[in-house]
Amino acid sequence: MAQARTRGDFPPLAPAERVEALAMTAKERGLYEQGLTGHVHGTEDQVAGQLERAIRETGADEVLVTTSTYDREGLVDSLRRLSRIVRPPERDRDDGPVRSLDVRQPPDHTTRDRRGREA
């Protein structure tokens, strides 16, 4: 991403270790570090905790997951592990909709309006 922003070049994705070892200008390194901010990553337990925290803090009704890697087998493994920590949404007949994604936590059954306020 840093190369794309500074050189207009979109090289093929490379292993993280190779990218981190690249000689970068201060601007490129800054863009690289900035691009990592806010990403969810880690073990299944770490990812579950990070997703739950993000959902709780934002009041999100749904979560969109995007990922990209040079390693297609790693991508499939990552998506499989993600699917193990996510369960389908639950419906409560009396309280209306709940979050579209619950991560290893029982739903809190709090409904929110479009501005994130409790309804």
C-alpha atoms as a PDB file:
ATOM      1  CA  MET A   1       0.000   0.000   0.000  1.00  0.00           C
ATOM      2  CA  ALA A   2       2.853   2.365   0.804  1.00  0.00           C
ATOM      3  CA  GLN A   3       4.380   1.783  -2.645  1.00  0.00           C
ATOM      4  CA  ALA A   4       1.033   2.422  -4.279  1.00  0.00           C
ATOM      5  CA  ARG A   5       0.660   5.723  -2.429  1.00  0.00           C
ATOM      6  CA  THR A   6       4.200   6.976  -3.018  1.00  0.00           C
ATOM      7  CA  ARG A   7       5.130   5.494  -6.407  1.00  0.00           C
ATOM      8  CA  GLY A   8       1.853   4.550  -8.051  1.00  0.00           C
ATOM      9  CA  ASP A   9       3.185   0.992  -8.167  1.00  0.00           C
ATOM     10  CA  PHE A  10       1.007  -1.988  -7.212  1.00  0.00           C
ATOM     11  CA  PRO A  11       3.421  -4.904  -6.854  1.00  0.00           C
ATOM     12  CA  PRO A  12       2.190  -8.435  -6.099  1.00  0.00           C
ATOM     13  CA  LEU A  13       1.656  -9.149  -2.411  1.00  0.00           C
ATOM     14  CA  ALA A  14       4.683 -10.551  -0.597  1.00  0.00           C
ATOM     15  CA  PRO A  15       5.224 -12.289   2.751  1.00  0.00           C
ATOM     16  CA  ALA A  16       4.977  -9.900   5.717  1.00  0.00           C
ATOM     17  CA  GLU A  17       8.541 -10.724   6.768  1.00  0.00           C
ATOM     18  CA  ARG A  18       9.856  -9.615   3.384  1.00  0.00           C
ATOM     19  CA  VAL A  19       7.804  -6.410   3.405  1.00  0.00           C
ATOM     20  CA  GLU A  20       8.867  -5.500   6.951  1.00  0.00           C
ATOM     21  CA  ALA A  21      12.530  -5.982   5.985  1.00  0.00           C
ATOM     22  CA  LEU A  22      12.306  -3.673   2.941  1.00  0.00           C
ATOM     23  CA  ALA A  23      14.241  -0.438   2.935  1.00  0.00           C
ATOM     24  CA  MET A  24      11.573   2.267   3.003  1.00  0.00           C
ATOM     25  CA  THR A  25      11.682   6.012   3.033  1.00  0.00           C
ATOM     26  CA  ALA A  26      10.316   7.680   6.167  1.00  0.00           C
ATOM     27  CA  LYS A  27       7.129   8.516   4.269  1.00  0.00           C
ATOM     28  CA  GLU A  28       6.726   4.922   3.050  1.00  0.00           C
ATOM     29  CA  ARG A  29       7.391   3.520   6.539  1.00  0.00           C
ATOM     30  CA  GLY A  30       4.845   5.945   8.005  1.00  0.00           C
ATOM     31  CA  LEU A  31       2.204   4.948   5.450  1.00  0.00           C
ATOM     32  CA  TYR A  32       3.006   1.286   6.042  1.00  0.00           C
ATOM     33  CA  GLU A  33       2.617   1.627   9.824  1.00  0.00           C
ATOM     34  CA  GLN A  34      -0.531   3.731   9.416  1.00  0.00           C
ATOM     35  CA  GLY A  35      -2.002   1.059   7.133  1.00  0.00           C
ATOM     36  CA  LEU A  36      -1.699  -1.515   9.920  1.00  0.00           C
ATOM     37  CA  THR A  37      -3.670   0.593  12.395  1.00  0.00           C
ATOM     38  CA  GLY A  38      -7.058  -0.807  13.258  1.00  0.00           C
ATOM     39  CA  HIS A  39      -6.479  -4.217  11.716  1.00  0.00           C
ATOM     40  CA  VAL A  40      -7.703  -7.264  13.590  1.00  0.00           C
ATOM     41  CA  HIS A  41      -5.179 -10.087  13.751  1.00  0.00           C
ATOM     42  CA  GLY A  42      -3.790 -12.749  16.046  1.00  0.00           C
ATOM     43  CA  THR A  43      -4.861 -16.080  17.481  1.00  0.00           C
ATOM     44  CA  GLU A  44      -8.508 -17.142  17.387  1.00  0.00           C
ATOM     45  CA  ASP A  45      -8.955 -15.946  20.971  1.00  0.00           C
ATOM     46  CA  GLN A  46      -7.258 -12.614  20.243  1.00  0.00           C
ATOM     47  CA  VAL A  47      -9.347 -12.053  17.116  1.00  0.00           C
ATOM     48  CA  ALA A  48     -12.553 -12.966  18.978  1.00  0.00           C
ATOM     49  CA  GLY A  49     -11.700 -10.449  21.698  1.00  0.00           C
ATOM     50  CA  GLN A  50     -10.793  -7.709  19.217  1.00  0.00           C
ATOM     51  CA  LEU A  51     -13.981  -8.219  17.201  1.00  0.00           C
ATOM     52  CA  GLU A  52     -16.184  -8.286  20.291  1.00  0.00           C
ATOM     53  CA  ARG A  53     -14.551  -5.098  21.581  1.00  0.00           C
ATOM     54  CA  ALA A  54     -15.028  -3.363  18.216  1.00  0.00           C
ATOM     55  CA  ILE A  55     -18.678  -4.416  18.088  1.00  0.00           C
ATOM     56  CA  ARG A  56     -19.294  -3.279  21.661  1.00  0.00           C
ATOM     57  CA  GLU A  57     -17.503   0.062  21.220  1.00  0.00           C
ATOM     58  CA  THR A  58     -19.159   0.942  17.919  1.00  0.00           C
ATOM     59  CA  GLY A  59     -22.590  -0.618  18.439  1.00  0.00           C
ATOM     60  CA  ALA A  60     -22.171  -2.230  15.012  1.00  0.00           C
ATOM     61  CA  ASP A  61     -25.070  -4.246  13.656  1.00  0.00           C
ATOM     62  CA  GLU A  62     -22.807  -6.134  11.280  1.00  0.00           C
ATOM     63  CA  VAL A  63     -19.132  -6.630  10.522  1.00  0.00           C
ATOM     64  CA  LEU A  64     -17.580  -6.857   7.081  1.00  0.00           C
ATOM     65  CA  VAL A  65     -14.376  -8.875   6.915  1.00  0.00           C
ATOM     66  CA  THR A  66     -11.897  -8.368   4.107  1.00  0.00           C
ATOM     67  CA  THR A  67      -8.517  -9.961   3.782  1.00  0.00           C
ATOM     68  CA  SER A  68      -5.788 -10.381   1.243  1.00  0.00           C
ATOM     69  CA  THR A  69      -2.555 -12.311   1.183  1.00  0.00           C
ATOM     70  CA  TYR A  70      -0.001 -13.725  -1.197  1.00  0.00           C
ATOM     71  CA  ASP A  71      -0.518 -17.117   0.509  1.00  0.00           C
ATOM     72  CA  ARG A  72      -3.812 -18.587  -0.712  1.00  0.00           C
ATOM     73  CA  GLU A  73      -3.602 -21.598   1.613  1.00  0.00           C
ATOM     74  CA  GLY A  74      -3.039 -19.210   4.522  1.00  0.00           C
ATOM     75  CA  LEU A  75      -6.067 -17.195   3.419  1.00  0.00           C
ATOM     76  CA  VAL A  76      -8.311 -20.273   3.426  1.00  0.00           C
ATOM     77  CA  ASP A  77      -6.957 -21.292   6.837  1.00  0.00           C
ATOM     78  CA  SER A  78      -7.577 -17.797   8.192  1.00  0.00           C
ATOM     79  CA  LEU A  79     -11.176 -17.798   6.952  1.00  0.00           C
ATOM     80  CA  ARG A  80     -11.759 -21.265   8.430  1.00  0.00           C
ATOM     81  CA  ARG A  81     -10.462 -20.116  11.805  1.00  0.00           C
ATOM     82  CA  LEU A  82     -12.609 -16.988  11.608  1.00  0.00           C
ATOM     83  CA  SER A  83     -15.681 -19.116  10.898  1.00  0.00           C
ATOM     84  CA  ARG A  84     -14.997 -21.128  14.074  1.00  0.00           C
ATOM     85  CA  ILE A  85     -15.249 -18.051  16.290  1.00  0.00           C
ATOM     86  CA  VAL A  86     -18.331 -16.562  14.646  1.00  0.00           C
ATOM     87  CA  ARG A  87     -21.794 -17.939  15.079  1.00  0.00           C
ATOM     88  CA  PRO A  88     -24.945 -17.079  13.129  1.00  0.00           C
ATOM     89  CA  PRO A  89     -27.147 -14.269  14.418  1.00  0.00           C
ATOM     90  CA  GLU A  90     -29.834 -15.083  16.934  1.00  0.00           C
ATOM     91  CA  ARG A  91     -33.313 -13.630  16.828  1.00  0.00           C
ATOM     92  CA  ASP A  92     -35.297 -12.593  19.860  1.00  0.00           C
ATOM     93  CA  ARG A  93     -39.012 -12.547  19.110  1.00  0.00           C
ATOM     94  CA  ASP A  94     -39.798  -9.910  21.730  1.00  0.00           C
ATOM     95  CA  ASP A  95     -36.832  -7.548  21.565  1.00  0.00           C
ATOM     96  CA  GLY A  96     -36.370  -7.229  17.786  1.00  0.00           C
ATOM     97  CA  PRO A  97     -33.085  -7.748  15.957  1.00  0.00           C
ATOM     98  CA  VAL A  98     -29.765  -8.370  17.639  1.00  0.00           C
ATOM     99  CA  ARG A  99     -26.284  -7.952  16.260  1.00  0.00           C
ATOM    100  CA  SER A 100     -25.553  -9.659  12.958  1.00  0.00           C
ATOM    101  CA  LEU A 101     -22.342 -11.036  14.425  1.00  0.00           C
ATOM    102  CA  ASP A 102     -21.822 -12.343  17.930  1.00  0.00           C
ATOM    103  CA  VAL A 103     -18.345 -13.500  18.819  1.00  0.00           C
ATOM    104  CA  ARG A 104     -18.198 -16.064  21.635  1.00  0.00           C
ATOM    105  CA  GLN A 105     -20.407 -13.878  23.782  1.00  0.00           C
ATOM    106  CA  PRO A 106     -24.132 -14.175  24.402  1.00  0.00           C
ATOM    107  CA  PRO A 107     -26.068 -11.400  22.665  1.00  0.00           C
ATOM    108  CA  ASP A 108     -26.869  -8.394  24.817  1.00  0.00           C
ATOM    109  CA  HIS A 109     -30.214  -7.896  23.022  1.00  0.00           C
ATOM    110  CA  THR A 110     -29.645  -4.158  22.873  1.00  0.00           C
ATOM    111  CA  THR A 111     -31.157  -2.553  19.814  1.00  0.00           C
ATOM    112  CA  ARG A 112     -29.772   0.694  18.496  1.00  0.00           C
ATOM    113  CA  ASP A 113     -31.020   3.332  16.119  1.00  0.00           C
ATOM    114  CA  ARG A 114     -29.043   4.436  13.061  1.00  0.00           C
ATOM    115  CA  ARG A 115     -26.931   6.805  15.140  1.00  0.00           C
ATOM    116  CA  GLY A 116     -25.847   4.041  17.518  1.00  0.00           C
ATOM    117  CA  ARG A 117     -28.084   5.141  20.395  1.00  0.00           C
ATOM    118  CA  GLU A 118     -29.946   2.516  22.390  1.00  0.00           C
ATOM    119  CA  ALA A 119     -33.526   2.275  21.168  1.00  0.00           C
END
